[in-house]
Amino acid sequence: MAELVGRSVHAVVMKRWRRRNPAVVARDRVYAEENRDRNKRRAVIYSHTQRDKINAAARAAAAADRVAATRSGTFTPEEDALVLRPDLTARQVAQLLGRTAASVARRRKRLRA
């Protein structure tokens, strides 16, 4: 029978066993009903196309953040004035300038020396 339907012998045995045991079928239906919404969410996440789209969007967002936060080059006099403001933290200045907080802190230290 397994050869005829193109399934494994174990699959055929299990199908026959389930048909002879209606309690198992009922239990499986209740379980499936209880977990239907969760399984739908999983199906969306685990399908290759959706997972690839989610990953691509996350990679693009991360790349944009890295580019925005790693503006390289010399500081302009206007940027130096902003770096030296005592009322702003290095992180706040970095967000305003589109640089990293570490580069702002290094520049601040260099200017004050």
PDB file of N, CA and C in Angstrom:
ATOM      1  N   MET A   1       0.824  -1.189   0.000  1.00  0.00           N
ATOM      2  CA  MET A   1       0.000   0.000   0.000  1.00  0.00           C
ATOM      3  C   MET A   1       0.873   1.260   0.000  1.00  0.00           C
ATOM      4  N   ALA A   2       1.975   1.259   0.765  1.00  0.00           N
ATOM      5  CA  ALA A   2       2.861   2.413   0.839  1.00  0.00           C
ATOM      6  C   ALA A   2       3.434   2.737  -0.537  1.00  0.00           C
ATOM      7  N   GLU A   3       3.851   1.735  -1.262  1.00  0.00           N
ATOM      8  CA  GLU A   3       4.382   1.947  -2.616  1.00  0.00           C
ATOM      9  C   GLU A   3       3.311   2.513  -3.534  1.00  0.00           C
ATOM     10  N   LEU A   4       2.120   2.009  -3.393  1.00  0.00           N
ATOM     11  CA  LEU A   4       1.019   2.412  -4.251  1.00  0.00           C
ATOM     12  C   LEU A   4       0.681   3.904  -4.082  1.00  0.00           C
ATOM     13  N   VAL A   5       0.696   4.395  -2.851  1.00  0.00           N
ATOM     14  CA  VAL A   5       0.341   5.798  -2.608  1.00  0.00           C
ATOM     15  C   VAL A   5       1.563   6.718  -2.541  1.00  0.00           C
ATOM     16  N   GLY A   6       2.748   6.154  -2.621  1.00  0.00           N
ATOM     17  CA  GLY A   6       3.962   6.960  -2.629  1.00  0.00           C
ATOM     18  C   GLY A   6       4.322   7.521  -1.264  1.00  0.00           C
ATOM     19  N   ARG A   7       4.014   6.768  -0.219  1.00  0.00           N
ATOM     20  CA  ARG A   7       4.329   7.186   1.155  1.00  0.00           C
ATOM     21  C   ARG A   7       5.215   6.139   1.807  1.00  0.00           C
ATOM     22  N   SER A   8       5.769   6.514   2.964  1.00  0.00           N
ATOM     23  CA  SER A   8       6.583   5.538   3.690  1.00  0.00           C
ATOM     24  C   SER A   8       5.665   4.525   4.370  1.00  0.00           C
ATOM     25  N   VAL A   9       6.226   3.398   4.711  1.00  0.00           N
ATOM     26  CA  VAL A   9       5.456   2.364   5.400  1.00  0.00           C
ATOM     27  C   VAL A   9       4.970   2.921   6.739  1.00  0.00           C
ATOM     28  N   HIS A  10       5.824   3.641   7.419  1.00  0.00           N
ATOM     29  CA  HIS A  10       5.450   4.220   8.709  1.00  0.00           C
ATOM     30  C   HIS A  10       4.264   5.176   8.563  1.00  0.00           C
ATOM     31  N   ALA A  11       4.240   5.986   7.517  1.00  0.00           N
ATOM     32  CA  ALA A  11       3.136   6.918   7.299  1.00  0.00           C
ATOM     33  C   ALA A  11       1.817   6.171   7.111  1.00  0.00           C
ATOM     34  N   VAL A  12       1.859   5.076   6.379  1.00  0.00           N
ATOM     35  CA  VAL A  12       0.641   4.290   6.154  1.00  0.00           C
ATOM     36  C   VAL A  12       0.186   3.646   7.457  1.00  0.00           C
ATOM     37  N   VAL A  13       1.125   3.109   8.229  1.00  0.00           N
ATOM     38  CA  VAL A  13       0.783   2.482   9.512  1.00  0.00           C
ATOM     39  C   VAL A  13       0.159   3.507  10.444  1.00  0.00           C
ATOM     40  N   MET A  14       0.742   4.688  10.522  1.00  0.00           N
ATOM     41  CA  MET A  14       0.210   5.720  11.410  1.00  0.00           C
ATOM     42  C   MET A  14      -1.178   6.186  10.969  1.00  0.00           C
ATOM     43  N   LYS A  15      -1.387   6.315   9.680  1.00  0.00           N
ATOM     44  CA  LYS A  15      -2.702   6.734   9.169  1.00  0.00           C
ATOM     45  C   LYS A  15      -3.760   5.702   9.540  1.00  0.00           C
ATOM     46  N   ARG A  16      -3.427   4.440   9.372  1.00  0.00           N
ATOM     47  CA  ARG A  16      -4.375   3.382   9.725  1.00  0.00           C
ATOM     48  C   ARG A  16      -4.645   3.378  11.225  1.00  0.00           C
ATOM     49  N   TRP A  17      -3.610   3.570  12.014  1.00  0.00           N
ATOM     50  CA  TRP A  17      -3.763   3.578  13.467  1.00  0.00           C
ATOM     51  C   TRP A  17      -4.662   4.729  13.904  1.00  0.00           C
ATOM     52  N   ARG A  18      -4.459   5.905  13.313  1.00  0.00           N
ATOM     53  CA  ARG A  18      -5.284   7.058  13.662  1.00  0.00           C
ATOM     54  C   ARG A  18      -6.753   6.826  13.297  1.00  0.00           C
ATOM     55  N   ARG A  19      -6.995   6.189  12.184  1.00  0.00           N
ATOM     56  CA  ARG A  19      -8.382   5.943  11.772  1.00  0.00           C
ATOM     57  C   ARG A  19      -9.075   4.955  12.701  1.00  0.00           C
ATOM     58  N   ARG A  20      -8.323   4.054  13.313  1.00  0.00           N
ATOM     59  CA  ARG A  20      -8.916   3.089  14.235  1.00  0.00           C
ATOM     60  C   ARG A  20      -9.099   3.673  15.635  1.00  0.00           C
ATOM     61  N   ASN A  21      -8.472   4.839  15.922  1.00  0.00           N
ATOM     62  CA  ASN A  21      -8.521   5.441  17.255  1.00  0.00           C
ATOM     63  C   ASN A  21      -9.118   6.852  17.171  1.00  0.00           C
ATOM     64  N   PRO A  22     -10.437   6.960  17.204  1.00  0.00           N
ATOM     65  CA  PRO A  22     -11.075   8.261  17.058  1.00  0.00           C
ATOM     66  C   PRO A  22     -10.721   9.237  18.184  1.00  0.00           C
ATOM     67  N   ALA A  23     -10.348   8.742  19.359  1.00  0.00           N
ATOM     68  CA  ALA A  23      -9.979   9.633  20.460  1.00  0.00           C
ATOM     69  C   ALA A  23      -8.721  10.436  20.101  1.00  0.00           C
ATOM     70  N   VAL A  24      -7.812   9.796  19.395  1.00  0.00           N
ATOM     71  CA  VAL A  24      -6.583  10.474  18.986  1.00  0.00           C
ATOM     72  C   VAL A  24      -6.913  11.569  17.990  1.00  0.00           C
ATOM     73  N   VAL A  25      -7.798  11.274  17.072  1.00  0.00           N
ATOM     74  CA  VAL A  25      -8.193  12.257  16.066  1.00  0.00           C
ATOM     75  C   VAL A  25      -8.875  13.448  16.750  1.00  0.00           C
ATOM     76  N   ALA A  26      -9.747  13.180  17.703  1.00  0.00           N
ATOM     77  CA  ALA A  26     -10.440  14.253  18.420  1.00  0.00           C
ATOM     78  C   ALA A  26      -9.442  15.100  19.201  1.00  0.00           C
ATOM     79  N   ARG A  27      -8.486  14.460  19.854  1.00  0.00           N
ATOM     80  CA  ARG A  27      -7.471  15.193  20.613  1.00  0.00           C
ATOM     81  C   ARG A  27      -6.652  16.083  19.684  1.00  0.00           C
ATOM     82  N   ASP A  28      -6.282  15.547  18.537  1.00  0.00           N
ATOM     83  CA  ASP A  28      -5.496  16.330  17.573  1.00  0.00           C
ATOM     84  C   ASP A  28      -6.294  17.527  17.059  1.00  0.00           C
ATOM     85  N   ARG A  29      -7.591  17.354  16.869  1.00  0.00           N
ATOM     86  CA  ARG A  29      -8.418  18.466  16.396  1.00  0.00           C
ATOM     87  C   ARG A  29      -8.506  19.575  17.445  1.00  0.00           C
ATOM     88  N   VAL A  30      -8.679  19.184  18.700  1.00  0.00           N
ATOM     89  CA  VAL A  30      -8.742  20.176  19.783  1.00  0.00           C
ATOM     90  C   VAL A  30      -7.420  20.929  19.862  1.00  0.00           C
ATOM     91  N   TYR A  31      -6.321  20.210  19.813  1.00  0.00           N
ATOM     92  CA  TYR A  31      -5.006  20.841  19.865  1.00  0.00           C
ATOM     93  C   TYR A  31      -4.810  21.798  18.691  1.00  0.00           C
ATOM     94  N   ALA A  32      -5.195  21.369  17.510  1.00  0.00           N
ATOM     95  CA  ALA A  32      -5.050  22.215  16.323  1.00  0.00           C
ATOM     96  C   ALA A  32      -5.898  23.469  16.449  1.00  0.00           C
ATOM     97  N   GLU A  33      -7.109  23.324  16.993  1.00  0.00           N
ATOM     98  CA  GLU A  33      -7.991  24.479  17.156  1.00  0.00           C
ATOM     99  C   GLU A  33      -7.413  25.467  18.172  1.00  0.00           C
ATOM    100  N   GLU A  34      -6.867  24.947  19.281  1.00  0.00           N
ATOM    101  CA  GLU A  34      -6.290  25.811  20.317  1.00  0.00           C
ATOM    102  C   GLU A  34      -5.080  26.575  19.806  1.00  0.00           C
ATOM    103  N   ASN A  35      -4.327  25.980  18.921  1.00  0.00           N
ATOM    104  CA  ASN A  35      -3.071  26.580  18.463  1.00  0.00           C
ATOM    105  C   ASN A  35      -3.155  27.140  17.050  1.00  0.00           C
ATOM    106  N   ARG A  36      -4.358  27.302  16.536  1.00  0.00           N
ATOM    107  CA  ARG A  36      -4.520  27.745  15.153  1.00  0.00           C
ATOM    108  C   ARG A  36      -3.865  29.108  14.898  1.00  0.00           C
ATOM    109  N   ASP A  37      -4.162  30.089  15.764  1.00  0.00           N
ATOM    110  CA  ASP A  37      -3.611  31.431  15.550  1.00  0.00           C
ATOM    111  C   ASP A  37      -2.094  31.428  15.663  1.00  0.00           C
ATOM    112  N   ARG A  38      -1.581  30.731  16.660  1.00  0.00           N
ATOM    113  CA  ARG A  38      -0.130  30.668  16.833  1.00  0.00           C
ATOM    114  C   ARG A  38       0.528  29.998  15.636  1.00  0.00           C
ATOM    115  N   ASN A  39      -0.082  28.951  15.143  1.00  0.00           N
ATOM    116  CA  ASN A  39       0.481  28.254  13.999  1.00  0.00           C
ATOM    117  C   ASN A  39       0.431  29.107  12.738  1.00  0.00           C
ATOM    118  N   LYS A  40      -0.602  29.926  12.600  1.00  0.00           N
ATOM    119  CA  LYS A  40      -0.667  30.820  11.445  1.00  0.00           C
ATOM    120  C   LYS A  40       0.462  31.828  11.482  1.00  0.00           C
ATOM    121  N   ARG A  41       0.714  32.377  12.670  1.00  0.00           N
ATOM    122  CA  ARG A  41       1.820  33.340  12.797  1.00  0.00           C
ATOM    123  C   ARG A  41       3.145  32.666  12.464  1.00  0.00           C
ATOM    124  N   ARG A  42       3.316  31.461  12.962  1.00  0.00           N
ATOM    125  CA  ARG A  42       4.555  30.736  12.681  1.00  0.00           C
ATOM    126  C   ARG A  42       4.699  30.465  11.193  1.00  0.00           C
ATOM    127  N   ALA A  43       3.596  30.114  10.545  1.00  0.00           N
ATOM    128  CA  ALA A  43       3.655  29.812   9.113  1.00  0.00           C
ATOM    129  C   ALA A  43       4.113  31.032   8.334  1.00  0.00           C
ATOM    130  N   VAL A  44       3.656  32.194   8.741  1.00  0.00           N
ATOM    131  CA  VAL A  44       4.061  33.420   8.052  1.00  0.00           C
ATOM    132  C   VAL A  44       5.542  33.679   8.266  1.00  0.00           C
ATOM    133  N   ILE A  45       5.993  33.515   9.503  1.00  0.00           N
ATOM    134  CA  ILE A  45       7.391  33.808   9.799  1.00  0.00           C
ATOM    135  C   ILE A  45       8.312  32.765   9.194  1.00  0.00           C
ATOM    136  N   TYR A  46       7.912  31.503   9.245  1.00  0.00           N
ATOM    137  CA  TYR A  46       8.801  30.449   8.800  1.00  0.00           C
ATOM    138  C   TYR A  46       8.776  30.196   7.300  1.00  0.00           C
ATOM    139  N   SER A  47       7.836  30.788   6.595  1.00  0.00           N
ATOM    140  CA  SER A  47       7.870  30.589   5.155  1.00  0.00           C
ATOM    141  C   SER A  47       9.078  31.341   4.611  1.00  0.00           C
ATOM    142  N   HIS A  48       9.740  30.768   3.656  1.00  0.00           N
ATOM    143  CA  HIS A  48      10.993  31.336   3.166  1.00  0.00           C
ATOM    144  C   HIS A  48      10.822  32.737   2.609  1.00  0.00           C
ATOM    145  N   THR A  49       9.769  32.961   1.851  1.00  0.00           N
ATOM    146  CA  THR A  49       9.618  34.271   1.230  1.00  0.00           C
ATOM    147  C   THR A  49       9.389  35.351   2.275  1.00  0.00           C
ATOM    148  N   GLN A  50       8.551  35.082   3.261  1.00  0.00           N
ATOM    149  CA  GLN A  50       8.306  36.071   4.304  1.00  0.00           C
ATOM    150  C   GLN A  50       9.562  36.302   5.137  1.00  0.00           C
ATOM    151  N   ARG A  51      10.244  35.221   5.490  1.00  0.00           N
ATOM    152  CA  ARG A  51      11.454  35.355   6.296  1.00  0.00           C
ATOM    153  C   ARG A  51      12.507  36.143   5.538  1.00  0.00           C
ATOM    154  N   ASP A  52      12.638  35.898   4.246  1.00  0.00           N
ATOM    155  CA  ASP A  52      13.607  36.635   3.445  1.00  0.00           C
ATOM    156  C   ASP A  52      13.245  38.112   3.363  1.00  0.00           C
ATOM    157  N   LYS A  53      11.953  38.415   3.238  1.00  0.00           N
ATOM    158  CA  LYS A  53      11.528  39.816   3.195  1.00  0.00           C
ATOM    159  C   LYS A  53      11.805  40.516   4.520  1.00  0.00           C
ATOM    160  N   ILE A  54      11.507  39.841   5.617  1.00  0.00           N
ATOM    161  CA  ILE A  54      11.747  40.418   6.938  1.00  0.00           C
ATOM    162  C   ILE A  54      13.237  40.659   7.144  1.00  0.00           C
ATOM    163  N   ASN A  55      14.054  39.676   6.788  1.00  0.00           N
ATOM    164  CA  ASN A  55      15.501  39.819   6.944  1.00  0.00           C
ATOM    165  C   ASN A  55      16.047  40.924   6.058  1.00  0.00           C
ATOM    166  N   ALA A  56      15.559  41.034   4.839  1.00  0.00           N
ATOM    167  CA  ALA A  56      16.034  42.069   3.924  1.00  0.00           C
ATOM    168  C   ALA A  56      15.690  43.456   4.466  1.00  0.00           C
ATOM    169  N   ALA A  57      14.491  43.605   5.002  1.00  0.00           N
ATOM    170  CA  ALA A  57      14.094  44.902   5.568  1.00  0.00           C
ATOM    171  C   ALA A  57      14.952  45.245   6.782  1.00  0.00           C
ATOM    172  N   ALA A  58      15.217  44.255   7.618  1.00  0.00           N
ATOM    173  CA  ALA A  58      16.048  44.497   8.802  1.00  0.00           C
ATOM    174  C   ALA A  58      17.477  44.854   8.404  1.00  0.00           C
ATOM    175  N   ARG A  59      18.007  44.156   7.397  1.00  0.00           N
ATOM    176  CA  ARG A  59      19.369  44.472   6.935  1.00  0.00           C
ATOM    177  C   ARG A  59      19.435  45.872   6.352  1.00  0.00           C
ATOM    178  N   ALA A  60      18.428  46.267   5.591  1.00  0.00           N
ATOM    179  CA  ALA A  60      18.412  47.604   4.993  1.00  0.00           C
ATOM    180  C   ALA A  60      18.339  48.685   6.067  1.00  0.00           C
ATOM    181  N   ALA A  61      17.513  48.464   7.082  1.00  0.00           N
ATOM    182  CA  ALA A  61      17.400  49.442   8.168  1.00  0.00           C
ATOM    183  C   ALA A  61      18.703  49.555   8.935  1.00  0.00           C
ATOM    184  N   ALA A  62      19.328  48.420   9.204  1.00  0.00           N
ATOM    185  CA  ALA A  62      20.599  48.431   9.931  1.00  0.00           C
ATOM    186  C   ALA A  62      21.683  49.128   9.114  1.00  0.00           C
ATOM    187  N   ALA A  63      21.708  48.885   7.825  1.00  0.00           N
ATOM    188  CA  ALA A  63      22.702  49.526   6.959  1.00  0.00           C
ATOM    189  C   ALA A  63      22.487  51.032   6.925  1.00  0.00           C
ATOM    190  N   ALA A  64      21.242  51.466   6.852  1.00  0.00           N
ATOM    191  CA  ALA A  64      20.955  52.906   6.842  1.00  0.00           C
ATOM    192  C   ALA A  64      21.379  53.549   8.153  1.00  0.00           C
ATOM    193  N   ASP A  65      21.145  52.857   9.271  1.00  0.00           N
ATOM    194  CA  ASP A  65      21.573  53.381  10.568  1.00  0.00           C
ATOM    195  C   ASP A  65      23.086  53.496  10.643  1.00  0.00           C
ATOM    196  N   ARG A  66      23.777  52.471  10.123  1.00  0.00           N
ATOM    197  CA  ARG A  66      25.245  52.509  10.152  1.00  0.00           C
ATOM    198  C   ARG A  66      25.780  53.654   9.309  1.00  0.00           C
ATOM    199  N   VAL A  67      25.203  53.853   8.136  1.00  0.00           N
ATOM    200  CA  VAL A  67      25.665  54.932   7.260  1.00  0.00           C
ATOM    201  C   VAL A  67      25.415  56.283   7.922  1.00  0.00           C
ATOM    202  N   ALA A  68      24.244  56.433   8.527  1.00  0.00           N
ATOM    203  CA  ALA A  68      23.913  57.712   9.163  1.00  0.00           C
ATOM    204  C   ALA A  68      24.797  57.976  10.377  1.00  0.00           C
ATOM    205  N   ALA A  69      25.176  56.920  11.076  1.00  0.00           N
ATOM    206  CA  ALA A  69      25.931  57.095  12.315  1.00  0.00           C
ATOM    207  C   ALA A  69      27.437  57.106  12.103  1.00  0.00           C
ATOM    208  N   THR A  70      27.904  56.881  10.913  1.00  0.00           N
ATOM    209  CA  THR A  70      29.347  56.802  10.695  1.00  0.00           C
ATOM    210  C   THR A  70      29.797  57.784   9.633  1.00  0.00           C
ATOM    211  N   ARG A  71      29.267  58.993   9.704  1.00  0.00           N
ATOM    212  CA  ARG A  71      29.691  60.025   8.769  1.00  0.00           C
ATOM    213  C   ARG A  71      31.155  60.315   9.051  1.00  0.00           C
ATOM    214  N   SER A  72      31.971  60.124   8.069  1.00  0.00           N
ATOM    215  CA  SER A  72      33.399  60.320   8.292  1.00  0.00           C
ATOM    216  C   SER A  72      33.852  61.643   7.701  1.00  0.00           C
ATOM    217  N   GLY A  73      35.062  61.981   7.942  1.00  0.00           N
ATOM    218  CA  GLY A  73      35.604  63.227   7.432  1.00  0.00           C
ATOM    219  C   GLY A  73      35.906  64.183   8.559  1.00  0.00           C
ATOM    220  N   THR A  74      36.474  65.305   8.203  1.00  0.00           N
ATOM    221  CA  THR A  74      36.852  66.281   9.214  1.00  0.00           C
ATOM    222  C   THR A  74      35.627  67.029   9.723  1.00  0.00           C
ATOM    223  N   PHE A  75      35.747  67.506  10.936  1.00  0.00           N
ATOM    224  CA  PHE A  75      34.676  68.295  11.537  1.00  0.00           C
ATOM    225  C   PHE A  75      34.774  69.720  11.001  1.00  0.00           C
ATOM    226  N   THR A  76      33.647  70.297  10.701  1.00  0.00           N
ATOM    227  CA  THR A  76      33.612  71.690  10.261  1.00  0.00           C
ATOM    228  C   THR A  76      33.630  72.593  11.496  1.00  0.00           C
ATOM    229  N   PRO A  77      33.933  73.878  11.350  1.00  0.00           N
ATOM    230  CA  PRO A  77      33.901  74.780  12.505  1.00  0.00           C
ATOM    231  C   PRO A  77      32.523  74.823  13.186  1.00  0.00           C
ATOM    232  N   GLU A  78      31.456  74.724  12.405  1.00  0.00           N
ATOM    233  CA  GLU A  78      30.109  74.704  12.996  1.00  0.00           C
ATOM    234  C   GLU A  78      29.909  73.450  13.850  1.00  0.00           C
ATOM    235  N   GLU A  79      30.413  72.329  13.342  1.00  0.00           N
ATOM    236  CA  GLU A  79      30.305  71.079  14.103  1.00  0.00           C
ATOM    237  C   GLU A  79      31.152  71.141  15.364  1.00  0.00           C
ATOM    238  N   ASP A  80      32.345  71.759  15.271  1.00  0.00           N
ATOM    239  CA  ASP A  80      33.195  71.897  16.455  1.00  0.00           C
ATOM    240  C   ASP A  80      32.498  72.718  17.533  1.00  0.00           C
ATOM    241  N   ALA A  81      31.795  73.767  17.125  1.00  0.00           N
ATOM    242  CA  ALA A  81      31.072  74.589  18.094  1.00  0.00           C
ATOM    243  C   ALA A  81      29.991  73.764  18.786  1.00  0.00           C
ATOM    244  N   LEU A  82      29.339  72.900  18.039  1.00  0.00           N
ATOM    245  CA  LEU A  82      28.309  72.038  18.619  1.00  0.00           C
ATOM    246  C   LEU A  82      28.934  70.995  19.543  1.00  0.00           C
ATOM    247  N   VAL A  83      30.087  70.478  19.157  1.00  0.00           N
ATOM    248  CA  VAL A  83      30.780  69.474  19.974  1.00  0.00           C
ATOM    249  C   VAL A  83      31.181  70.063  21.321  1.00  0.00           C
ATOM    250  N   LEU A  84      31.572  71.315  21.355  1.00  0.00           N
ATOM    251  CA  LEU A  84      32.057  71.952  22.588  1.00  0.00           C
ATOM    252  C   LEU A  84      30.941  72.456  23.499  1.00  0.00           C
ATOM    253  N   ARG A  85      29.685  72.341  23.085  1.00  0.00           N
ATOM    254  CA  ARG A  85      28.588  72.805  23.941  1.00  0.00           C
ATOM    255  C   ARG A  85      28.493  71.919  25.188  1.00  0.00           C
ATOM    256  N   PRO A  86      28.602  72.521  26.366  1.00  0.00           N
ATOM    257  CA  PRO A  86      28.585  71.729  27.603  1.00  0.00           C
ATOM    258  C   PRO A  86      27.198  71.216  27.985  1.00  0.00           C
ATOM    259  N   ASP A  87      26.156  71.791  27.431  1.00  0.00           N
ATOM    260  CA  ASP A  87      24.806  71.376  27.805  1.00  0.00           C
ATOM    261  C   ASP A  87      24.324  70.140  27.052  1.00  0.00           C
ATOM    262  N   LEU A  88      25.109  69.674  26.082  1.00  0.00           N
ATOM    263  CA  LEU A  88      24.731  68.480  25.308  1.00  0.00           C
ATOM    264  C   LEU A  88      25.707  67.345  25.591  1.00  0.00           C
ATOM    265  N   THR A  89      25.177  66.137  25.669  1.00  0.00           N
ATOM    266  CA  THR A  89      26.038  64.966  25.832  1.00  0.00           C
ATOM    267  C   THR A  89      26.621  64.579  24.475  1.00  0.00           C
ATOM    268  N   ALA A  90      27.635  63.726  24.509  1.00  0.00           N
ATOM    269  CA  ALA A  90      28.245  63.266  23.261  1.00  0.00           C
ATOM    270  C   ALA A  90      27.227  62.520  22.396  1.00  0.00           C
ATOM    271  N   ARG A  91      26.346  61.768  23.035  1.00  0.00           N
ATOM    272  CA  ARG A  91      25.328  61.025  22.281  1.00  0.00           C
ATOM    273  C   ARG A  91      24.347  61.971  21.593  1.00  0.00           C
ATOM    274  N   GLN A  92      23.949  63.026  22.288  1.00  0.00           N
ATOM    275  CA  GLN A  92      23.020  63.990  21.686  1.00  0.00           C
ATOM    276  C   GLN A  92      23.662  64.704  20.501  1.00  0.00           C
ATOM    277  N   VAL A  93      24.931  65.090  20.659  1.00  0.00           N
ATOM    278  CA  VAL A  93      25.644  65.749  19.563  1.00  0.00           C
ATOM    279  C   VAL A  93      25.796  64.784  18.391  1.00  0.00           C
ATOM    280  N   ALA A  94      26.095  63.532  18.696  1.00  0.00           N
ATOM    281  CA  ALA A  94      26.255  62.535  17.636  1.00  0.00           C
ATOM    282  C   ALA A  94      24.976  62.383  16.833  1.00  0.00           C
ATOM    283  N   GLN A  95      23.840  62.369  17.495  1.00  0.00           N
ATOM    284  CA  GLN A  95      22.569  62.252  16.787  1.00  0.00           C
ATOM    285  C   GLN A  95      22.311  63.479  15.914  1.00  0.00           C
ATOM    286  N   LEU A  96      22.667  64.651  16.419  1.00  0.00           N
ATOM    287  CA  LEU A  96      22.461  65.872  15.640  1.00  0.00           C
ATOM    288  C   LEU A  96      23.362  65.922  14.408  1.00  0.00           C
ATOM    289  N   LEU A  97      24.583  65.425  14.561  1.00  0.00           N
ATOM    290  CA  LEU A  97      25.554  65.505  13.473  1.00  0.00           C
ATOM    291  C   LEU A  97      25.562  64.274  12.563  1.00  0.00           C
ATOM    292  N   GLY A  98      24.937  63.210  12.995  1.00  0.00           N
ATOM    293  CA  GLY A  98      24.968  61.979  12.200  1.00  0.00           C
ATOM    294  C   GLY A  98      26.309  61.279  12.291  1.00  0.00           C
ATOM    295  N   ARG A  99      26.936  61.382  13.441  1.00  0.00           N
ATOM    296  CA  ARG A  99      28.219  60.727  13.693  1.00  0.00           C
ATOM    297  C   ARG A  99      28.056  59.785  14.873  1.00  0.00           C
ATOM    298  N   THR A 100      29.097  59.038  15.160  1.00  0.00           N
ATOM    299  CA  THR A 100      29.040  58.152  16.318  1.00  0.00           C
ATOM    300  C   THR A 100      29.386  58.932  17.573  1.00  0.00           C
ATOM    301  N   ALA A 101      28.875  58.450  18.713  1.00  0.00           N
ATOM    302  CA  ALA A 101      29.162  59.110  19.985  1.00  0.00           C
ATOM    303  C   ALA A 101      30.651  59.029  20.295  1.00  0.00           C
ATOM    304  N   ALA A 102      31.292  57.941  19.906  1.00  0.00           N
ATOM    305  CA  ALA A 102      32.736  57.791  20.154  1.00  0.00           C
ATOM    306  C   ALA A 102      33.533  58.838  19.378  1.00  0.00           C
ATOM    307  N   SER A 103      33.161  59.109  18.139  1.00  0.00           N
ATOM    308  CA  SER A 103      33.902  60.107  17.364  1.00  0.00           C
ATOM    309  C   SER A 103      33.701  61.504  17.936  1.00  0.00           C
ATOM    310  N   VAL A 104      32.493  61.779  18.434  1.00  0.00           N
ATOM    311  CA  VAL A 104      32.233  63.076  19.057  1.00  0.00           C
ATOM    312  C   VAL A 104      33.045  63.208  20.349  1.00  0.00           C
ATOM    313  N   ALA A 105      33.091  62.150  21.141  1.00  0.00           N
ATOM    314  CA  ALA A 105      33.856  62.182  22.389  1.00  0.00           C
ATOM    315  C   ALA A 105      35.345  62.384  22.103  1.00  0.00           C
ATOM    316  N   ARG A 106      35.869  61.702  21.080  1.00  0.00           N
ATOM    317  CA  ARG A 106      37.286  61.886  20.713  1.00  0.00           C
ATOM    318  C   ARG A 106      37.547  63.317  20.275  1.00  0.00           C
ATOM    319  N   ARG A 107      36.643  63.859  19.453  1.00  0.00           N
ATOM    320  CA  ARG A 107      36.823  65.232  18.971  1.00  0.00           C
ATOM    321  C   ARG A 107      36.751  66.225  20.129  1.00  0.00           C
ATOM    322  N   ARG A 108      35.820  66.005  21.050  1.00  0.00           N
ATOM    323  CA  ARG A 108      35.657  66.866  22.219  1.00  0.00           C
ATOM    324  C   ARG A 108      36.941  66.860  23.055  1.00  0.00           C
ATOM    325  N   LYS A 109      37.493  65.682  23.252  1.00  0.00           N
ATOM    326  CA  LYS A 109      38.727  65.548  24.046  1.00  0.00           C
ATOM    327  C   LYS A 109      39.891  66.255  23.346  1.00  0.00           C
ATOM    328  N   ARG A 110      39.970  66.107  22.038  1.00  0.00           N
ATOM    329  CA  ARG A 110      41.044  66.709  21.265  1.00  0.00           C
ATOM    330  C   ARG A 110      40.938  68.249  21.279  1.00  0.00           C
ATOM    331  N   LEU A 111      39.730  68.772  21.184  1.00  0.00           N
ATOM    332  CA  LEU A 111      39.537  70.216  21.185  1.00  0.00           C
ATOM    333  C   LEU A 111      39.803  70.844  22.549  1.00  0.00           C
ATOM    334  N   ARG A 112      39.503  70.129  23.608  1.00  0.00           N
ATOM    335  CA  ARG A 112      39.709  70.663  24.954  1.00  0.00           C
ATOM    336  C   ARG A 112      41.160  70.561  25.412  1.00  0.00           C
ATOM    337  N   ALA A 113      41.937  69.749  24.764  1.00  0.00           N
ATOM    338  CA  ALA A 113      43.341  69.563  25.175  1.00  0.00           C
ATOM    339  C   ALA A 113      44.228  70.712  24.765  1.00  0.00           C
TER     340      ALA A 113
END
